[in-house]
C-alpha atoms as a PDB file:
ATOM      1  CA  MET A   1      -5.128  -4.960 -17.514  1.00  0.00           C
ATOM      2  CA  THR A   2      -1.380  -4.873 -16.865  1.00  0.00           C
ATOM      3  CA  LYS A   3       0.202  -3.281 -13.802  1.00  0.00           C
ATOM      4  CA  ALA A   4       1.547  -0.470 -15.978  1.00  0.00           C
ATOM      5  CA  GLU A   5      -1.958   0.191 -17.323  1.00  0.00           C
ATOM      6  CA  ILE A   6      -3.378   0.213 -13.796  1.00  0.00           C
ATOM      7  CA  LEU A   7      -0.668   2.661 -12.695  1.00  0.00           C
ATOM      8  CA  LYS A   8      -1.303   4.944 -15.651  1.00  0.00           C
ATOM      9  CA  ARG A   9      -5.062   4.898 -15.029  1.00  0.00           C
ATOM     10  CA  GLU A  10      -4.547   5.752 -11.350  1.00  0.00           C
ATOM     11  CA  ILE A  11      -2.028   8.481 -12.136  1.00  0.00           C
ATOM     12  CA  LEU A  12      -4.421  10.133 -14.581  1.00  0.00           C
ATOM     13  CA  SER A  13      -7.361   9.822 -12.196  1.00  0.00           C
ATOM     14  CA  GLN A  14      -5.444  11.493  -9.345  1.00  0.00           C
ATOM     15  CA  TYR A  15      -3.223  13.955 -11.250  1.00  0.00           C
ATOM     16  CA  LYS A  16      -3.685  16.287 -14.206  1.00  0.00           C
ATOM     17  CA  SER A  17      -0.991  14.479 -16.177  1.00  0.00           C
ATOM     18  CA  VAL A  18       1.746  11.864 -16.032  1.00  0.00           C
ATOM     19  CA  ARG A  19       4.247  14.746 -16.122  1.00  0.00           C
ATOM     20  CA  GLN A  20       2.741  16.285 -12.968  1.00  0.00           C
ATOM     21  CA  PHE A  21       2.995  12.923 -11.180  1.00  0.00           C
ATOM     22  CA  ALA A  22       6.615  12.484 -12.327  1.00  0.00           C
ATOM     23  CA  ILE A  23       7.493  15.915 -10.928  1.00  0.00           C
ATOM     24  CA  GLU A  24       5.717  15.154  -7.648  1.00  0.00           C
ATOM     25  CA  MET A  25       7.552  11.820  -7.352  1.00  0.00           C
ATOM     26  CA  GLN A  26      10.872  13.313  -8.476  1.00  0.00           C
ATOM     27  CA  ILE A  27      11.148  10.681 -11.212  1.00  0.00           C
ATOM     28  CA  PRO A  28      12.422  11.673 -14.663  1.00  0.00           C
ATOM     29  CA  TYR A  29       9.382  12.041 -16.922  1.00  0.00           C
ATOM     30  CA  SER A  30      10.989   9.973 -19.702  1.00  0.00           C
ATOM     31  CA  THR A  31      11.697   7.121 -17.268  1.00  0.00           C
ATOM     32  CA  LEU A  32       8.091   7.054 -16.088  1.00  0.00           C
ATOM     33  CA  VAL A  33       6.636   7.227 -19.605  1.00  0.00           C
ATOM     34  CA  THR A  34       8.920   4.411 -20.785  1.00  0.00           C
ATOM     35  CA  ALA A  35       7.921   2.243 -17.810  1.00  0.00           C
ATOM     36  CA  LEU A  36       4.227   2.898 -18.392  1.00  0.00           C
ATOM     37  CA  ASP A  37       4.563   2.079 -22.106  1.00  0.00           C
ATOM     38  CA  ARG A  38       6.849  -0.964 -21.861  1.00  0.00           C
ATOM     39  CA  GLY A  39       5.947  -2.316 -18.423  1.00  0.00           C
ATOM     40  CA  ILE A  40       7.156  -1.587 -14.907  1.00  0.00           C
ATOM     41  CA  GLU A  41       9.126  -4.817 -14.510  1.00  0.00           C
ATOM     42  CA  GLY A  42      12.375  -2.966 -15.243  1.00  0.00           C
ATOM     43  CA  MET A  43      11.771  -0.240 -12.662  1.00  0.00           C
ATOM     44  CA  ALA A  44      13.512  -0.276  -9.304  1.00  0.00           C
ATOM     45  CA  TYR A  45      11.383  -2.013  -6.675  1.00  0.00           C
ATOM     46  CA  GLY A  46      11.697   0.946  -4.301  1.00  0.00           C
ATOM     47  CA  THR A  47      10.387   3.320  -6.960  1.00  0.00           C
ATOM     48  CA  VAL A  48       7.357   1.122  -7.617  1.00  0.00           C
ATOM     49  CA  ILE A  49       6.664   0.940  -3.863  1.00  0.00           C
ATOM     50  CA  LYS A  50       6.864   4.749  -3.541  1.00  0.00           C
ATOM     51  CA  MET A  51       4.550   5.185  -6.515  1.00  0.00           C
ATOM     52  CA  CYS A  52       2.035   2.727  -5.079  1.00  0.00           C
ATOM     53  CA  ASP A  53       2.186   4.457  -1.707  1.00  0.00           C
ATOM     54  CA  LYS A  54       1.591   7.851  -3.339  1.00  0.00           C
ATOM     55  CA  LEU A  55      -1.332   6.477  -5.374  1.00  0.00           C
ATOM     56  CA  ASN A  56      -2.748   4.511  -2.424  1.00  0.00           C
ATOM     57  CA  LEU A  57      -2.321   1.170  -4.221  1.00  0.00           C
ATOM     58  CA  ASN A  58      -1.356  -2.223  -2.830  1.00  0.00           C
ATOM     59  CA  PRO A  59       2.063  -2.974  -4.422  1.00  0.00           C
ATOM     60  CA  VAL A  60       1.329  -6.701  -4.575  1.00  0.00           C
ATOM     61  CA  ASP A  61      -1.837  -6.738  -6.681  1.00  0.00           C
ATOM     62  CA  PHE A  62      -2.243  -3.009  -7.459  1.00  0.00           C
ATOM     63  CA  THR A  63      -5.704  -2.861  -5.917  1.00  0.00           C
ATOM     64  CA  SER A  64      -6.789   0.328  -4.230  1.00  0.00           C
ATOM     65  CA  LEU A  65      -6.041   0.668  -0.516  1.00  0.00           C
ATOM     66  CA  GLU A  66      -8.674   2.030   1.839  1.00  0.00           C
ATOM     67  CA  LYS A  67      -8.733   5.806   2.025  1.00  0.00           C
ATOM     68  CA  GLY A  68      -6.516   7.053   4.822  1.00  0.00           C
ATOM     69  CA  ALA A  69      -4.637   3.768   5.172  1.00  0.00           C
ATOM     70  CA  SER A  70      -0.924   4.011   4.611  1.00  0.00           C
ATOM     71  CA  LEU A  71       1.054   1.280   2.923  1.00  0.00           C
ATOM     72  CA  GLY A  72       2.949   0.619   6.159  1.00  0.00           C
ATOM     73  CA  GLU A  73      -0.309   0.120   8.039  1.00  0.00           C
ATOM     74  CA  LYS A  74      -1.579  -2.361   5.438  1.00  0.00           C
ATOM     75  CA  ILE A  75       1.686  -4.325   5.552  1.00  0.00           C
ATOM     76  CA  LEU A  76       1.491  -4.475   9.349  1.00  0.00           C
ATOM     77  CA  GLU A  77      -2.159  -5.579   9.179  1.00  0.00           C
ATOM     78  CA  ASN A  78      -1.239  -8.353   6.757  1.00  0.00           C
ATOM     79  CA  ARG A  79       1.607  -9.494   9.011  1.00  0.00           C
ATOM     80  CA  VAL A  80      -0.683  -9.643  12.047  1.00  0.00           C
ATOM     81  CA  MET A  81      -3.244 -11.643  10.078  1.00  0.00           C
ATOM     82  CA  GLN A  82      -0.579 -14.063   8.799  1.00  0.00           C
ATOM     83  CA  TYR A  83       0.343 -14.875  12.397  1.00  0.00           C
ATOM     84  CA  TYR A  84      -3.283 -15.003  13.531  1.00  0.00           C
ATOM     85  CA  VAL A  85      -4.366 -17.575  10.929  1.00  0.00           C
ATOM     86  CA  LYS A  86      -1.562 -19.902  12.086  1.00  0.00           C
ATOM     87  CA  LEU A  87      -3.123 -20.146  15.547  1.00  0.00           C
ATOM     88  CA  ASN A  88      -5.589 -22.796  16.652  1.00  0.00           C
ATOM     89  CA  LYS A  89      -8.980 -21.907  18.151  1.00  0.00           C
ATOM     90  CA  THR A  90      -7.569 -21.566  21.684  1.00  0.00           C
ATOM     91  CA  GLY A  91      -4.698 -19.363  20.514  1.00  0.00           C
ATOM     92  CA  ARG A  92      -7.043 -17.113  18.537  1.00  0.00           C
ATOM     93  CA  LYS A  93      -9.352 -16.731  21.522  1.00  0.00           C
ATOM     94  CA  LYS A  94      -6.402 -15.815  23.772  1.00  0.00           C
ATOM     95  CA  ILE A  95      -5.097 -13.192  21.299  1.00  0.00           C
ATOM     96  CA  LEU A  96      -8.542 -11.605  20.965  1.00  0.00           C
ATOM     97  CA  GLU A  97      -8.862 -11.434  24.762  1.00  0.00           C
ATOM     98  CA  MET A  98      -5.445  -9.779  25.014  1.00  0.00           C
ATOM     99  CA  MET A  99      -6.308  -7.298  22.272  1.00  0.00           C
ATOM    100  CA  ASP A 100      -9.551  -6.452  24.036  1.00  0.00           C
ATOM    101  CA  ASP A 101      -7.566  -5.718  27.208  1.00  0.00           C
ATOM    102  CA  TYR A 102      -5.010  -3.561  25.368  1.00  0.00           C
ATOM    103  CA  VAL A 103      -7.550  -1.406  23.523  1.00  0.00           C
ATOM    104  CA  GLN A 104      -9.095  -0.448  26.841  1.00  0.00           C
ATOM    105  CA  LEU A 105      -5.798   0.943  28.133  1.00  0.00           C
ATOM    106  CA  GLU A 106      -5.331   4.605  27.253  1.00  0.00           C
ATOM    107  CA  LYS A 107      -1.598   4.040  26.828  1.00  0.00           C
ATOM    108  CA  TYR A 108      -2.274   1.924  23.712  1.00  0.00           C
ATOM    109  CA  GLN A 109      -5.148   3.887  22.176  1.00  0.00           C
ATOM    110  CA  ILE A 110      -4.743   5.929  19.005  1.00  0.00           C
ATOM    111  CA  LYS A 111      -4.653   9.643  19.739  1.00  0.00           C
ATOM    112  CA  GLU A 112      -6.941  11.569  17.387  1.00  0.00           C
END
């Protein structure tokens, strides 16, 4: 399945029509239909990112993101993990200890 096909499937599963999604995204309907028919490679990168964010899709592989997770959060998570995997065993242990300390401080806890 191509990226355009995945996008179209997601659009139709989350919206009544491609037209409704185009209106919501403020993208010309004809532009969106052409991209979905011919492939999204010609679309502006920023537009594809916005569409993926709206549809809760990872813009790299077009897999579904976890419900409630924003694209920015997933990118940050990936960045943290990229740094983490570069550490040796001692470095990883130290980071986990520091994270354990930080999550116990109210100043750094997520407010719900």
